[in-house]
Amino acid sequence: MTMPTTTQALRYSEFGDPMETLALDTIHLDQPENDEVGIRILSAPINPADFGRINGSYGTLADLPATGGLEGVGEVVSRGKNATRFQIGSRVIFSGDPGSWQTFANIPESHVHPAPMSLNNEQAAMFCINPATAWSMLNDFADLRPGDWIIQNAATSAVGRLVIQFAAPQGIRTANLVRSIGAKSSLEEIGADLVIEDNRDAAKILREALGQNKARLGLNAVGGSSALTICKCLADQSALVTYGGMDRESAPFPTRYLIFNDLRLYGFWVSHWYRKASTAEIEEMHQTIAETMRDQAITTPVGNTYALEDWKDAIEQSRQPGKPGKILFKMDG
C-alpha cells in the first residue's frame, strides 16, 4: 500500500464543544517529508485531553483547522528520505500532532515508536498516554516500597485503574477515592486495598482506616476539596501530584500541611515527559510497561468502538459517566 493523496479526518476549525465544532472532512495529504513517517491509522481513543484541545482549555493548542486525537496505533506505509527507524509494514504507536482521528497521517518520526507486540490494536492505541502517566507518577515522585500506601482520587478513571494494577504486584497499597461507592467491587477485583466515597467525611474515614500508616504519595485528578482530603492523609515530606482537574475547581492552598508536614506539590503532564525524554528513554519505559501489562494481564477496558462516520455517537458515549470503558475509533475495518 502507498500513501494516498487524501485522508478522511475528524476536524475542527474553531474551539468549542466537540459536538458543535467537529466535522468529518476529506483533506489533501502530501507524501511524507524528510523526517516524517506515513501511517495508515488503525485505531485511536477518545481521551479527556482531546476535549480540552478541542474546546481550547488544554496546555497546548493546535493551529486551526486541526484534526482531533492525541494518540493511536497504525501501520507504516511510506517514509521520508531521512526516516529510517521503521520498515514499511511496521506496526507503530504515536502521540501528538497532526492528530489521530483520521485514516492516514504524516507524523514526525520522533513521535513514533514500536507498538508492543503483546498488545492488540485497541490496547496499543491507548498505550502512549494513560499507561505512561500512571507508571511515571507511581515511580518518579516517591521511593515506594512494599507495604507503603498511596491515595488517589478519580480511581475509576483509566489512569486510576492502571495505578492500582501497577501498584498491587509491587506490594504497594492503594486507598482510592470514588464518586460512587458502587464502583468498590470492580476496583477491588483489580487489586484496590481500600475504596472510599469522595465526600466531606472521606479524610476522617481515611485517617481511621490507615491508622499510623500515612500515605507516601497522593495522586490528584479532581482538584477542589478532593485534593485537600488527600493532603490531610499524607505523611510528612510526601508528594501530592496533580495531573488533572475534573472538578474545574482550584485546590485549596494547604498552607498548614505545606509548613508543618513539609508536603511537596507537583504537577505532571506526560506530554512534558515525552518532550524531555530521549527516544531510548521513551522506548525503555514503553518496554517495561508493556512487559508488566503482559505479565500481570493488565488491560484498559474498552467500552465501544466506532467508525469515524459515527463520530457523534462516539463522542456522546465517551462523555457519559459510568461508561464501561474507553471509547475508540476503529479505522481498520
Protein backbone atom coordinates (compact mmCIF):
# COMPACT_ATOMS: atom_id res chain seq x y z
CA MET A 1 0.00 0.00 0.00
CA THR A 2 1.22 3.53 -0.81
CA MET A 3 0.26 6.79 0.82
CA PRO A 4 -2.99 8.13 -0.69
CA THR A 5 -3.42 11.73 -1.75
CA THR A 6 -6.37 12.32 0.61
CA THR A 7 -7.33 11.31 4.14
CA GLN A 8 -10.66 11.25 5.94
CA ALA A 9 -10.26 13.32 9.09
CA LEU A 10 -12.40 14.47 12.03
CA ARG A 11 -11.57 18.19 12.09
CA TYR A 12 -12.40 21.40 13.91
CA SER A 13 -11.94 24.97 12.65
CA GLU A 14 -12.71 26.77 15.90
CA PHE A 15 -12.50 25.98 19.60
CA GLY A 16 -15.67 24.89 21.33
CA ASP A 17 -17.96 22.00 22.15
CA PRO A 18 -16.83 18.96 20.10
CA MET A 19 -20.41 18.17 19.10
CA GLU A 20 -20.68 21.62 17.54
CA THR A 21 -17.19 22.19 16.15
CA LEU A 22 -16.16 18.78 14.77
CA ALA A 23 -16.85 17.74 11.17
CA LEU A 24 -15.74 14.77 9.09
CA ASP A 25 -13.80 16.06 6.08
CA THR A 26 -11.72 14.67 3.24
CA ILE A 27 -8.48 16.65 3.07
CA HIS A 28 -5.41 16.66 0.84
CA LEU A 29 -2.44 14.60 2.00
CA ASP A 30 1.12 15.13 0.79
CA GLN A 31 3.78 12.45 0.71
CA PRO A 32 5.88 12.27 3.91
CA GLU A 33 8.57 14.93 4.20
CA ASN A 34 12.18 14.15 5.10
CA ASP A 35 11.73 13.15 8.75
CA GLU A 36 8.11 12.01 8.57
CA VAL A 37 6.51 8.58 8.57
CA GLY A 38 3.36 7.95 6.54
CA ILE A 39 0.96 5.92 8.68
CA ARG A 40 -2.31 4.13 7.98
CA ILE A 41 -4.11 4.66 11.27
CA LEU A 42 -5.84 1.59 12.65
CA SER A 43 -7.37 2.78 15.92
CA ALA A 44 -7.42 5.86 18.16
CA PRO A 45 -9.07 6.51 21.54
CA ILE A 46 -11.14 9.42 22.79
CA ASN A 47 -9.44 10.87 25.88
CA PRO A 48 -10.49 13.75 28.17
CA ALA A 49 -7.44 15.65 26.92
CA ASP A 50 -8.88 15.53 23.40
CA PHE A 51 -11.88 17.54 24.57
CA GLY A 52 -9.56 20.05 26.24
CA ARG A 53 -7.70 20.57 22.96
CA ILE A 54 -10.93 21.00 21.02
CA ASN A 55 -12.58 23.41 23.48
CA GLY A 56 -9.41 25.47 23.86
CA SER A 57 -8.59 24.78 27.51
CA TYR A 58 -5.64 22.40 27.10
CA GLY A 59 -1.97 23.15 27.79
CA THR A 60 -1.07 23.33 24.09
CA LEU A 61 -3.49 24.03 21.28
CA ALA A 62 -3.25 23.04 17.64
CA ASP A 63 -3.16 25.56 14.81
CA LEU A 64 -6.60 25.70 13.23
CA PRO A 65 -8.03 23.94 11.36
CA ALA A 66 -6.87 20.82 13.18
CA THR A 67 -7.59 17.11 13.44
CA GLY A 68 -8.66 15.65 16.79
CA GLY A 69 -6.99 12.83 18.68
CA LEU A 70 -3.73 12.74 20.61
CA GLU A 71 -2.63 9.10 20.24
CA GLY A 72 -3.18 5.99 18.18
CA VAL A 73 -1.79 2.88 16.54
CA GLY A 74 -1.10 2.34 12.87
CA GLU A 75 0.96 0.75 10.12
CA VAL A 76 3.86 2.41 8.32
CA VAL A 77 3.06 2.68 4.60
CA SER A 78 5.55 5.33 3.48
CA ARG A 79 8.66 7.16 4.72
CA GLY A 80 10.51 10.39 4.11
CA LYS A 81 14.09 10.02 2.92
CA ASN A 82 15.56 10.66 6.39
CA ALA A 83 13.06 8.49 8.29
CA THR A 84 14.95 5.23 8.67
CA ARG A 85 13.88 3.73 12.01
CA PHE A 86 10.83 1.82 10.73
CA GLN A 87 10.29 -0.59 7.89
CA ILE A 88 7.25 -0.45 5.63
CA GLY A 89 4.59 -2.57 7.29
CA SER A 90 5.80 -1.93 10.86
CA ARG A 91 3.05 -1.57 13.46
CA VAL A 92 3.66 1.61 15.45
CA ILE A 93 2.17 3.82 18.15
CA PHE A 94 2.32 7.61 18.15
CA SER A 95 1.19 10.70 20.01
CA GLY A 96 0.80 14.42 19.40
CA ASP A 97 0.11 16.35 16.22
CA PRO A 98 -1.16 16.13 13.49
CA GLY A 99 -3.99 14.21 15.19
CA SER A 100 -5.07 10.58 15.24
CA TRP A 101 -8.75 10.83 14.31
CA GLN A 102 -8.07 10.26 10.61
CA THR A 103 -7.40 7.39 8.27
CA PHE A 104 -3.86 8.36 7.18
CA ALA A 105 -1.33 10.84 8.53
CA ASN A 106 2.26 12.00 8.10
CA ILE A 107 3.80 12.04 11.56
CA PRO A 108 7.28 13.18 12.68
CA GLU A 109 9.41 10.10 13.23
CA SER A 110 10.35 11.40 16.70
CA HIS A 111 6.70 10.96 17.76
CA VAL A 112 6.53 7.35 16.53
CA HIS A 113 7.53 4.22 18.47
CA PRO A 114 7.24 0.45 18.01
CA ALA A 115 3.88 -0.96 19.07
CA PRO A 116 4.32 -3.57 21.83
CA MET A 117 3.85 -6.99 20.26
CA SER A 118 1.89 -8.22 23.29
CA LEU A 119 -0.89 -5.65 22.79
CA ASN A 120 -3.72 -5.83 20.27
CA ASN A 121 -4.61 -2.74 18.26
CA GLU A 122 -7.14 -1.43 20.78
CA GLN A 123 -4.75 -1.69 23.72
CA ALA A 124 -1.85 -0.34 21.67
CA ALA A 125 -3.91 2.68 20.59
CA MET A 126 -4.32 3.65 24.25
CA PHE A 127 -0.71 2.98 25.29
CA CYS A 128 1.14 6.30 24.93
CA ILE A 129 -0.82 8.48 27.37
CA ASN A 130 -2.57 6.70 30.24
CA PRO A 131 -0.17 3.81 30.99
CA ALA A 132 2.80 6.19 30.77
CA THR A 133 1.05 8.68 33.08
CA ALA A 134 0.21 6.05 35.70
CA TRP A 135 3.66 4.44 35.56
CA SER A 136 5.59 7.72 35.78
CA MET A 137 3.60 9.10 38.71
CA LEU A 138 3.94 5.86 40.63
CA ASN A 139 7.68 5.60 40.11
CA ASP A 140 9.09 9.13 39.77
CA PHE A 141 7.82 11.06 42.81
CA ALA A 142 8.40 8.75 45.79
CA ASP A 143 10.64 5.85 46.74
CA LEU A 144 7.77 3.47 47.38
CA ARG A 145 8.34 0.10 48.99
CA PRO A 146 6.13 -2.93 49.66
CA GLY A 147 3.59 -2.05 52.34
CA ASP A 148 3.57 1.69 51.58
CA TRP A 149 0.24 3.41 50.93
CA ILE A 150 -0.74 5.84 48.20
CA ILE A 151 -4.01 7.77 47.94
CA GLN A 152 -5.66 8.72 44.67
CA ASN A 153 -8.92 10.28 43.58
CA ALA A 154 -10.59 9.60 40.22
CA ALA A 155 -9.79 5.96 40.93
CA THR A 156 -12.26 4.62 38.36
CA SER A 157 -10.62 6.53 35.51
CA ALA A 158 -8.33 4.75 33.07
CA VAL A 159 -5.26 6.18 34.84
CA GLY A 160 -6.69 5.36 38.26
CA ARG A 161 -7.30 1.74 37.36
CA LEU A 162 -3.81 1.41 35.91
CA VAL A 163 -2.27 2.88 39.08
CA ILE A 164 -4.00 0.16 41.11
CA GLN A 165 -2.87 -2.59 38.75
CA PHE A 166 0.73 -1.34 38.57
CA ALA A 167 0.94 -0.88 42.36
CA ALA A 168 -0.55 -4.17 43.54
CA PRO A 169 2.16 -6.54 42.18
CA GLN A 170 4.79 -4.38 43.89
CA GLY A 171 3.05 -4.69 47.25
CA ILE A 172 2.13 -1.00 47.22
CA ARG A 173 -1.27 -0.47 48.80
CA THR A 174 -3.83 1.90 47.32
CA ALA A 175 -6.52 3.97 49.01
CA ASN A 176 -8.97 5.03 46.33
CA LEU A 177 -11.48 7.87 46.40
CA VAL A 178 -14.52 7.41 44.15
CA ARG A 179 -17.62 9.45 43.44
CA SER A 180 -19.89 6.42 43.79
CA ILE A 181 -19.26 3.57 46.21
CA GLY A 182 -20.92 1.34 43.62
CA ALA A 183 -17.50 1.13 41.98
CA LYS A 184 -15.98 -0.56 45.03
CA SER A 185 -16.24 -4.18 43.91
CA SER A 186 -14.86 -3.53 40.41
CA LEU A 187 -11.79 -1.79 41.87
CA GLU A 188 -11.24 -4.46 44.50
CA GLU A 189 -11.26 -7.06 41.74
CA ILE A 190 -8.19 -5.45 40.16
CA GLY A 191 -6.29 -5.08 43.43
CA ALA A 192 -7.56 -1.97 45.27
CA ASP A 193 -6.94 -2.23 49.02
CA LEU A 194 -9.32 0.49 50.18
CA VAL A 195 -12.19 2.21 48.35
CA ILE A 196 -13.92 5.21 49.94
CA GLU A 197 -16.60 7.57 48.68
CA ASP A 198 -15.12 11.00 47.96
CA ASN A 199 -17.24 13.20 50.25
CA ARG A 200 -16.84 15.53 53.24
CA ASP A 201 -16.18 12.60 55.59
CA ALA A 202 -13.54 10.98 53.40
CA ALA A 203 -10.49 12.40 55.23
CA LYS A 204 -11.74 11.18 58.61
CA ILE A 205 -12.53 7.72 57.23
CA LEU A 206 -9.15 7.53 55.51
CA ARG A 207 -7.23 8.50 58.63
CA GLU A 208 -9.09 5.93 60.69
CA ALA A 209 -8.50 3.21 58.09
CA LEU A 210 -4.80 3.95 57.64
CA GLY A 211 -4.03 4.48 61.32
CA GLN A 212 -0.33 5.26 61.71
CA ASN A 213 0.35 4.26 58.11
CA LYS A 214 0.01 7.62 56.43
CA ALA A 215 0.31 7.60 52.66
CA ARG A 216 3.64 8.34 50.98
CA LEU A 217 2.14 9.64 47.73
CA GLY A 218 -1.06 11.35 46.64
CA LEU A 219 -2.39 11.48 43.07
CA ASN A 220 -4.94 14.16 42.23
CA ALA A 221 -7.00 14.36 39.05
CA VAL A 222 -10.03 16.12 40.53
CA GLY A 223 -8.98 19.28 42.38
CA GLY A 224 -11.10 21.22 44.85
CA SER A 225 -11.88 19.69 48.23
CA SER A 226 -10.87 16.23 47.00
CA ALA A 227 -7.24 17.34 46.68
CA LEU A 228 -7.34 18.76 50.22
CA THR A 229 -8.70 15.43 51.50
CA ILE A 230 -5.61 13.70 50.14
CA CYS A 231 -3.27 16.30 51.70
CA LYS A 232 -4.77 15.67 55.13
CA CYS A 233 -3.78 12.00 54.97
CA LEU A 234 -0.21 12.21 53.66
CA ALA A 235 2.91 11.51 55.70
CA ASP A 236 5.48 14.22 56.32
CA GLN A 237 7.62 15.08 53.28
CA SER A 238 5.24 13.29 50.93
CA ALA A 239 4.25 14.44 47.45
CA LEU A 240 0.87 15.38 46.04
CA VAL A 241 0.97 15.05 42.25
CA THR A 242 -1.77 16.79 40.27
CA TYR A 243 -2.37 15.56 36.73
CA GLY A 244 -5.95 16.66 36.10
CA GLY A 245 -8.74 18.96 37.25
CA MET A 246 -12.03 17.20 36.61
CA ASP A 247 -13.99 19.44 39.01
CA ARG A 248 -12.58 22.58 37.34
CA GLU A 249 -12.06 23.95 40.87
CA SER A 250 -8.72 25.09 42.21
CA ALA A 251 -7.34 23.02 45.06
CA PRO A 252 -7.39 24.99 48.36
CA PHE A 253 -3.81 26.01 49.15
CA PRO A 254 -2.94 23.69 52.05
CA THR A 255 -0.74 26.15 53.99
CA ARG A 256 -0.77 24.17 57.23
CA TYR A 257 0.31 20.93 55.56
CA LEU A 258 2.99 22.64 53.49
CA ILE A 259 4.54 24.20 56.58
CA PHE A 260 4.10 21.63 59.32
CA ASN A 261 4.10 18.45 57.23
CA ASP A 262 6.59 19.65 54.61
CA LEU A 263 4.39 18.43 51.77
CA ARG A 264 5.61 18.86 48.20
CA LEU A 265 3.16 19.77 45.44
CA TYR A 266 3.89 18.77 41.85
CA GLY A 267 2.13 18.94 38.53
CA PHE A 268 2.53 16.17 35.99
CA TRP A 269 1.79 16.26 32.26
CA VAL A 270 3.02 13.27 30.30
CA SER A 271 3.48 15.41 27.18
CA HIS A 272 6.24 17.29 29.01
CA TRP A 273 7.90 13.99 29.89
CA TYR A 274 7.84 12.87 26.25
CA ARG A 275 9.34 16.17 25.08
CA LYS A 276 12.26 15.96 27.50
CA ALA A 277 12.99 12.23 27.22
CA SER A 278 15.23 10.70 24.59
CA THR A 279 13.93 8.07 22.17
CA ALA A 280 15.90 5.44 24.10
CA GLU A 281 14.35 6.53 27.43
CA ILE A 282 10.84 6.51 25.97
CA GLU A 283 11.16 3.07 24.43
CA GLU A 284 12.80 1.63 27.55
CA MET A 285 9.82 2.81 29.60
CA HIS A 286 7.39 1.51 26.97
CA GLN A 287 9.05 -1.90 27.08
CA THR A 288 8.90 -2.04 30.89
CA ILE A 289 5.23 -1.05 30.94
CA ALA A 290 4.31 -3.48 28.16
CA GLU A 291 6.07 -6.36 29.92
CA THR A 292 4.29 -5.52 33.18
CA MET A 293 0.93 -5.38 31.43
CA ARG A 294 1.63 -8.71 29.72
CA ASP A 295 2.89 -10.47 32.85
CA GLN A 296 0.07 -9.17 35.07
CA ALA A 297 -2.64 -9.48 32.38
CA ILE A 298 -3.41 -5.76 32.70
CA THR A 299 -5.73 -4.20 30.13
CA THR A 300 -7.62 -0.95 29.78
CA PRO A 301 -11.37 -1.70 29.46
CA VAL A 302 -12.91 -0.84 26.10
CA GLY A 303 -16.47 0.41 26.19
CA ASN A 304 -17.14 0.51 22.45
CA THR A 305 -15.55 1.14 19.06
CA TYR A 306 -16.91 3.33 16.27
CA ALA A 307 -16.14 4.19 12.67
CA LEU A 308 -15.20 7.81 12.05
CA GLU A 309 -18.54 8.26 10.27
CA ASP A 310 -20.29 7.56 13.57
CA TRP A 311 -18.30 10.17 15.47
CA LYS A 312 -21.31 11.85 17.08
CA ASP A 313 -22.34 8.60 18.76
CA ALA A 314 -18.74 8.03 19.84
CA ILE A 315 -18.37 11.48 21.38
CA GLU A 316 -21.73 11.22 23.12
CA GLN A 317 -20.91 7.85 24.69
CA SER A 318 -17.42 8.95 25.71
CA ARG A 319 -18.98 11.75 27.77
CA GLN A 320 -21.33 9.50 29.70
CA PRO A 321 -20.46 8.97 33.37
CA GLY A 322 -20.04 5.37 34.41
CA LYS A 323 -19.33 4.10 30.89
CA PRO A 324 -17.84 0.58 30.91
CA GLY A 325 -14.54 1.58 29.32
CA LYS A 326 -12.65 3.72 26.84
CA ILE A 327 -14.33 4.67 23.56
CA LEU A 328 -12.21 4.25 20.43
CA PHE A 329 -12.37 5.00 16.74
CA LYS A 330 -11.57 1.98 14.59
CA MET A 331 -10.30 2.65 11.07
CA ASP A 332 -9.09 -0.83 10.10
CA GLY A 333 -12.50 -2.20 9.20
